[in-house]
Protein backbone atom coordinates (compact mmCIF):
# COMPACT_ATOMS: atom_id res chain seq x y z
CA UNK A 1 12.81 12.51 14.19
CA UNK A 2 9.25 11.47 13.14
CA UNK A 3 8.61 7.77 12.26
CA UNK A 4 7.61 7.25 8.54
CA UNK A 5 3.81 6.37 8.18
CA UNK A 6 3.00 3.35 6.08
CA UNK A 7 -0.90 2.86 5.27
CA UNK A 8 -2.04 -0.62 4.76
CA UNK A 9 -5.33 -1.13 2.86
CA UNK A 10 -6.48 -4.73 3.26
CA UNK A 11 -10.11 -6.34 4.26
CA UNK A 12 -8.74 -9.42 5.48
CA UNK A 13 -8.40 -9.82 9.23
CA UNK A 14 -5.86 -12.26 9.33
CA UNK A 15 -3.65 -10.50 6.69
CA UNK A 16 -4.22 -7.38 9.11
CA UNK A 17 -2.88 -9.38 11.97
CA UNK A 18 0.06 -10.50 10.17
CA UNK A 19 1.21 -7.11 9.15
CA UNK A 20 0.58 -5.64 12.65
CA UNK A 21 3.10 -8.59 13.85
CA UNK A 22 5.69 -7.83 11.29
CA UNK A 23 5.36 -3.92 12.16
CA UNK A 24 5.65 -4.80 15.72
CA UNK A 25 9.07 -5.94 15.14
CA UNK A 26 10.16 -2.64 13.48
CA UNK A 27 10.56 0.30 15.83
CA UNK A 28 11.11 2.70 12.81
CA UNK A 29 7.97 2.74 11.07
CA UNK A 30 4.03 3.81 12.24
CA UNK A 31 1.41 1.18 10.76
CA UNK A 32 -2.18 2.60 9.92
CA UNK A 33 -4.63 0.19 8.73
CA UNK A 34 -7.70 0.70 6.62
CA UNK A 35 -10.36 -2.14 5.64
CA UNK A 36 -11.73 -0.52 2.42
CA UNK A 37 -10.29 1.48 -0.39
CA UNK A 38 -12.58 4.38 0.28
CA UNK A 39 -11.42 4.39 3.85
CA UNK A 40 -7.86 4.16 2.66
CA UNK A 41 -8.05 6.99 0.00
CA UNK A 42 -9.58 9.33 2.89
CA UNK A 43 -6.75 8.27 5.24
CA UNK A 44 -4.13 9.00 2.58
CA UNK A 45 -5.49 12.60 1.82
CA UNK A 46 -5.40 13.30 5.63
CA UNK A 47 -2.56 11.58 7.07
CA UNK A 48 -0.12 11.87 3.83
CA UNK A 49 1.64 8.61 4.50
CA UNK A 50 5.25 8.15 3.36
CA UNK A 51 3.85 4.74 1.36
CA UNK A 52 0.80 3.06 0.78
CA UNK A 53 0.60 -1.14 0.85
CA UNK A 54 -2.48 -1.97 -1.44
CA UNK A 55 -4.58 -5.07 -1.58
CA UNK A 56 -6.20 -5.48 -5.01
CA UNK A 57 -9.23 -7.65 -3.98
CA UNK A 58 -11.07 -5.31 -1.68
CA UNK A 59 -14.82 -4.96 -0.89
CA UNK A 60 -16.68 -1.86 -2.95
CA UNK A 61 -13.57 -0.32 -5.07
CA UNK A 62 -10.83 -2.46 -5.98
CA UNK A 63 -6.95 -1.70 -5.04
CA UNK A 64 -6.53 -0.99 -8.93
CA UNK A 65 -9.20 1.40 -9.04
CA UNK A 66 -8.02 2.99 -5.86
CA UNK A 67 -4.53 3.31 -7.29
CA UNK A 68 -5.94 5.27 -10.21
CA UNK A 69 -7.79 7.63 -7.80
CA UNK A 70 -4.77 8.00 -5.64
CA UNK A 71 -2.51 8.91 -8.57
CA UNK A 72 -4.85 11.42 -9.90
CA UNK A 73 -5.24 13.36 -6.88
CA UNK A 74 -2.58 16.06 -6.29
CA UNK A 75 -2.58 15.39 -2.43
CA UNK A 76 -1.59 11.64 -3.19
CA UNK A 77 -0.02 11.33 -6.39
CA UNK A 78 3.50 11.20 -5.22
CA UNK A 79 3.10 8.79 -2.51
CA UNK A 80 4.75 5.39 -3.68
CA UNK A 81 2.31 2.61 -3.67
CA UNK A 82 3.19 -1.00 -3.48
CA UNK A 83 0.66 -3.99 -4.11
CA UNK A 84 0.24 -6.49 -1.58
CA UNK A 85 -1.43 -9.29 -3.58
CA UNK A 86 -1.70 -12.59 -4.55
CA UNK A 87 -2.55 -11.51 -8.14
CA UNK A 88 0.03 -11.65 -10.82
CA UNK A 89 0.12 -9.25 -12.59
CA UNK A 90 -1.93 -7.16 -9.77
CA UNK A 91 -4.26 -5.44 -12.30
CA UNK A 92 -4.25 -7.68 -15.33
CA UNK A 93 -7.16 -5.40 -17.18
CA UNK A 94 -5.24 -2.25 -16.73
CA UNK A 95 -4.27 -0.87 -20.07
CA UNK A 96 -0.53 0.59 -20.71
CA UNK A 97 -1.52 4.20 -19.79
CA UNK A 98 -3.07 3.28 -16.37
CA UNK A 99 -1.00 4.12 -13.41
CA UNK A 100 1.02 1.33 -12.22
CA UNK A 101 2.28 0.34 -8.71
CA UNK A 102 5.86 1.03 -7.53
CA UNK A 103 6.42 -2.32 -6.58
CA UNK A 104 4.59 -5.75 -6.05
CA UNK A 105 4.95 -7.79 -2.83
CA UNK A 106 3.25 -11.19 -3.88
CA UNK A 107 1.53 -13.34 -1.01
CA UNK A 108 2.50 -15.25 0.38
CA UNK A 109 5.52 -13.09 1.43
CA UNK A 110 8.44 -13.18 4.10
CA UNK A 111 9.37 -10.22 6.21
CA UNK A 112 12.33 -9.52 3.73
CA UNK A 113 10.05 -9.63 0.68
CA UNK A 114 8.10 -6.84 2.36
CA UNK A 115 10.66 -4.81 4.11
CA UNK A 116 12.98 -4.62 1.07
CA UNK A 117 10.84 -2.79 -1.28
CA UNK A 118 9.56 -0.35 1.61
CA UNK A 119 13.13 0.62 2.43
CA UNK A 120 13.82 1.06 -1.44
CA UNK A 121 10.76 3.36 -1.71
CA UNK A 122 11.38 5.34 1.64
CA UNK A 123 14.97 6.15 0.07
CA UNK A 124 13.54 7.69 -3.08
CA UNK A 125 12.81 11.25 -3.06
CA UNK A 126 9.15 12.55 -3.41
């Protein structure tokens, strides 16, 4: 059985290392990392991950703008996207009609804070 792929879009190297360390303890999932929203969008289109974890404060395009792009693209519109951010709410300027994240994991987080919403998203049909 193929391991679910989780794409993490995060520019901070320390946060990337933390996420790698967490995922090294989980044999059931495969982690991919993109350092910018633009690269993350391209990876999402090409690899069709089961879940996307998205930072908000990214260089260039923000995570909020990337969410809109991913939700409007038929290739990626059904992929659950979780915000992993210190921002609460993640996109304070978003209007009610804009796409929303499937869940929000606030930094700093524990392993369980991260794993529980991922497991929930994986259990839902796409």
